[in-house]
N, C-alpha and C. Protein backbone atom coordinates (compact mmCIF):
# COMPACT_ATOMS: atom_id res chain seq x y z
N MET A 1 6.58 -8.76 -0.49
CA MET A 1 6.19 -8.12 0.75
C MET A 1 7.45 -7.79 1.53
N SER A 2 7.47 -6.64 2.13
CA SER A 2 8.63 -6.19 2.90
C SER A 2 8.92 -7.13 4.06
N LYS A 3 10.18 -7.25 4.38
CA LYS A 3 10.58 -8.08 5.50
C LYS A 3 10.88 -7.23 6.73
N ASN A 4 10.48 -5.97 6.74
CA ASN A 4 10.73 -5.07 7.85
C ASN A 4 9.84 -5.46 9.03
N PRO A 5 10.43 -6.04 10.10
CA PRO A 5 9.62 -6.51 11.23
C PRO A 5 9.02 -5.39 12.07
N LEU A 6 9.55 -4.18 11.95
CA LEU A 6 9.04 -3.07 12.75
C LEU A 6 7.63 -2.66 12.34
N TYR A 7 7.24 -2.99 11.14
CA TYR A 7 5.93 -2.60 10.64
C TYR A 7 5.06 -3.81 10.31
N ALA A 8 5.27 -4.90 11.01
CA ALA A 8 4.53 -6.14 10.74
C ALA A 8 3.02 -5.95 10.91
N ASN A 9 2.61 -5.23 11.94
CA ASN A 9 1.17 -5.01 12.16
C ASN A 9 0.56 -4.18 11.05
N GLU A 10 1.28 -3.13 10.63
CA GLU A 10 0.79 -2.28 9.55
C GLU A 10 0.72 -3.04 8.23
N ILE A 11 1.73 -3.88 7.98
CA ILE A 11 1.74 -4.68 6.76
C ILE A 11 0.58 -5.67 6.77
N ALA A 12 0.33 -6.30 7.89
CA ALA A 12 -0.80 -7.24 8.01
C ALA A 12 -2.13 -6.51 7.80
N THR A 13 -2.26 -5.32 8.35
CA THR A 13 -3.48 -4.53 8.17
C THR A 13 -3.66 -4.16 6.71
N ALA A 14 -2.59 -3.77 6.05
CA ALA A 14 -2.67 -3.43 4.63
C ALA A 14 -3.03 -4.66 3.80
N HIS A 15 -2.47 -5.80 4.16
CA HIS A 15 -2.77 -7.03 3.44
C HIS A 15 -4.26 -7.36 3.56
N GLN A 16 -4.81 -7.20 4.74
CA GLN A 16 -6.24 -7.44 4.93
C GLN A 16 -7.08 -6.43 4.13
N PHE A 17 -6.62 -5.20 4.06
CA PHE A 17 -7.29 -4.16 3.27
C PHE A 17 -7.31 -4.57 1.80
N VAL A 18 -6.18 -5.04 1.29
CA VAL A 18 -6.10 -5.48 -0.11
C VAL A 18 -7.05 -6.65 -0.35
N ILE A 19 -7.08 -7.59 0.55
CA ILE A 19 -7.98 -8.74 0.41
C ILE A 19 -9.44 -8.28 0.43
N ALA A 20 -9.76 -7.38 1.34
CA ALA A 20 -11.14 -6.89 1.46
C ALA A 20 -11.60 -6.12 0.23
N HIS A 21 -10.65 -5.57 -0.52
CA HIS A 21 -11.00 -4.76 -1.69
C HIS A 21 -10.48 -5.41 -2.98
N ASN A 22 -10.45 -6.73 -3.00
CA ASN A 22 -9.88 -7.43 -4.14
C ASN A 22 -10.70 -7.31 -5.42
N THR A 23 -11.93 -6.80 -5.32
CA THR A 23 -12.74 -6.61 -6.52
C THR A 23 -12.66 -5.19 -7.07
N ASP A 24 -11.92 -4.33 -6.39
CA ASP A 24 -11.75 -2.96 -6.85
C ASP A 24 -10.66 -2.92 -7.91
N VAL A 25 -11.07 -2.82 -9.16
CA VAL A 25 -10.15 -2.87 -10.29
C VAL A 25 -9.14 -1.72 -10.23
N LYS A 26 -9.60 -0.55 -9.84
CA LYS A 26 -8.70 0.61 -9.77
C LYS A 26 -7.59 0.36 -8.74
N LEU A 27 -7.96 -0.18 -7.58
CA LEU A 27 -6.96 -0.50 -6.56
C LEU A 27 -6.02 -1.58 -7.05
N GLN A 28 -6.53 -2.63 -7.66
CA GLN A 28 -5.69 -3.72 -8.15
C GLN A 28 -4.73 -3.24 -9.23
N ASN A 29 -5.18 -2.36 -10.10
CA ASN A 29 -4.29 -1.78 -11.11
C ASN A 29 -3.20 -0.93 -10.47
N PHE A 30 -3.56 -0.15 -9.46
CA PHE A 30 -2.58 0.66 -8.73
C PHE A 30 -1.52 -0.25 -8.10
N LEU A 31 -1.95 -1.30 -7.43
CA LEU A 31 -1.02 -2.23 -6.79
C LEU A 31 -0.10 -2.88 -7.81
N HIS A 32 -0.66 -3.28 -8.92
CA HIS A 32 0.14 -3.90 -9.98
C HIS A 32 1.20 -2.93 -10.49
N ASP A 33 0.79 -1.71 -10.78
CA ASP A 33 1.74 -0.72 -11.28
C ASP A 33 2.83 -0.42 -10.25
N MET A 34 2.45 -0.34 -8.99
CA MET A 34 3.42 -0.01 -7.94
C MET A 34 4.44 -1.12 -7.74
N ARG A 35 4.04 -2.35 -7.95
CA ARG A 35 4.97 -3.47 -7.76
C ARG A 35 6.13 -3.42 -8.76
N PHE A 36 5.89 -2.80 -9.90
CA PHE A 36 6.93 -2.72 -10.93
C PHE A 36 7.69 -1.41 -10.92
N ARG A 37 7.41 -0.55 -9.96
CA ARG A 37 8.11 0.73 -9.85
C ARG A 37 9.32 0.60 -8.95
N LYS A 38 10.37 0.01 -9.45
CA LYS A 38 11.60 -0.20 -8.68
C LYS A 38 12.42 1.08 -8.56
N ASP A 39 12.02 2.12 -9.28
CA ASP A 39 12.75 3.38 -9.26
C ASP A 39 12.36 4.26 -8.07
N LEU A 40 11.36 3.87 -7.30
CA LEU A 40 10.85 4.70 -6.22
C LEU A 40 11.59 4.47 -4.91
N THR A 41 11.80 5.55 -4.18
CA THR A 41 12.28 5.43 -2.81
C THR A 41 11.08 5.07 -1.93
N HIS A 42 11.36 4.70 -0.70
CA HIS A 42 10.25 4.37 0.21
C HIS A 42 9.32 5.57 0.40
N SER A 43 9.90 6.74 0.57
CA SER A 43 9.06 7.93 0.80
C SER A 43 8.24 8.28 -0.44
N ASP A 44 8.79 8.06 -1.63
CA ASP A 44 8.01 8.28 -2.87
C ASP A 44 6.84 7.30 -2.93
N ARG A 45 7.13 6.04 -2.62
CA ARG A 45 6.08 5.01 -2.64
C ARG A 45 5.00 5.34 -1.62
N TRP A 46 5.42 5.75 -0.41
CA TRP A 46 4.46 6.10 0.64
C TRP A 46 3.58 7.26 0.16
N SER A 47 4.20 8.25 -0.46
CA SER A 47 3.45 9.42 -0.93
C SER A 47 2.42 9.04 -2.00
N LEU A 48 2.80 8.18 -2.92
CA LEU A 48 1.86 7.73 -3.95
C LEU A 48 0.72 6.92 -3.33
N CYS A 49 1.04 6.07 -2.36
CA CYS A 49 0.00 5.32 -1.66
C CYS A 49 -0.93 6.27 -0.93
N TYR A 50 -0.36 7.25 -0.26
CA TYR A 50 -1.16 8.24 0.47
C TYR A 50 -2.13 8.94 -0.49
N ASP A 51 -1.61 9.46 -1.59
CA ASP A 51 -2.45 10.19 -2.55
C ASP A 51 -3.56 9.30 -3.10
N PHE A 52 -3.21 8.07 -3.48
CA PHE A 52 -4.20 7.16 -4.04
C PHE A 52 -5.29 6.82 -3.03
N LEU A 53 -4.87 6.45 -1.83
CA LEU A 53 -5.86 6.04 -0.83
C LEU A 53 -6.71 7.21 -0.35
N LYS A 54 -6.13 8.36 -0.16
CA LYS A 54 -6.92 9.51 0.29
C LYS A 54 -7.93 9.94 -0.76
N GLU A 55 -7.59 9.75 -2.04
CA GLU A 55 -8.53 10.10 -3.10
C GLU A 55 -9.63 9.06 -3.24
N ASN A 56 -9.27 7.78 -3.11
CA ASN A 56 -10.22 6.71 -3.37
C ASN A 56 -10.81 6.07 -2.12
N TYR A 57 -10.11 6.17 -1.02
CA TYR A 57 -10.55 5.62 0.27
C TYR A 57 -10.26 6.64 1.36
N PRO A 58 -11.01 7.72 1.42
CA PRO A 58 -10.71 8.81 2.37
C PRO A 58 -10.65 8.36 3.82
N ALA A 59 -11.29 7.28 4.16
CA ALA A 59 -11.28 6.81 5.55
C ALA A 59 -10.05 5.94 5.86
N ALA A 60 -9.22 5.69 4.87
CA ALA A 60 -8.02 4.86 5.10
C ALA A 60 -7.13 5.52 6.14
N THR A 61 -6.67 4.73 7.07
CA THR A 61 -5.83 5.25 8.16
C THR A 61 -4.37 5.33 7.73
N ASP A 62 -3.60 6.09 8.50
CA ASP A 62 -2.17 6.18 8.24
C ASP A 62 -1.51 4.82 8.39
N SER A 63 -2.04 3.98 9.25
CA SER A 63 -1.51 2.64 9.43
C SER A 63 -1.65 1.82 8.15
N ILE A 64 -2.77 1.94 7.48
CA ILE A 64 -2.98 1.24 6.21
C ILE A 64 -2.04 1.79 5.15
N ILE A 65 -1.89 3.09 5.11
CA ILE A 65 -1.02 3.72 4.11
C ILE A 65 0.43 3.27 4.31
N THR A 66 0.91 3.35 5.53
CA THR A 66 2.28 2.93 5.83
C THR A 66 2.46 1.44 5.55
N GLY A 67 1.50 0.64 5.97
CA GLY A 67 1.57 -0.79 5.72
C GLY A 67 1.59 -1.12 4.25
N LEU A 68 0.79 -0.40 3.48
CA LEU A 68 0.75 -0.65 2.04
C LEU A 68 2.08 -0.30 1.38
N ALA A 69 2.69 0.78 1.81
CA ALA A 69 4.00 1.16 1.25
C ALA A 69 5.02 0.05 1.50
N TYR A 70 5.03 -0.49 2.70
CA TYR A 70 5.95 -1.60 3.01
C TYR A 70 5.53 -2.89 2.31
N TYR A 71 4.24 -3.12 2.23
CA TYR A 71 3.69 -4.31 1.59
C TYR A 71 4.15 -4.40 0.13
N LEU A 72 4.26 -3.26 -0.53
CA LEU A 72 4.62 -3.22 -1.94
C LEU A 72 6.12 -3.30 -2.19
N GLU A 73 6.92 -3.23 -1.13
CA GLU A 73 8.36 -3.30 -1.29
C GLU A 73 8.85 -4.74 -1.22
N ASP A 74 9.92 -5.01 -1.90
CA ASP A 74 10.51 -6.36 -1.86
C ASP A 74 11.38 -6.53 -0.65
């Protein structure tokens, strides 16, 4: 999980989103794959999170998307 304190609220929101959807295999596979993508920049990771969430969770807010991008970073 990212240690960026500026986005602590977004990261916490994303963490709760992940917990709330822990039975969604497609989401869990996406998260697993993203954790091993060390070749991505932050903006690339954010873009992939945006695309995935907008396709699978159209109601996901920008706060969740941003938080998830930081959540997936070391």
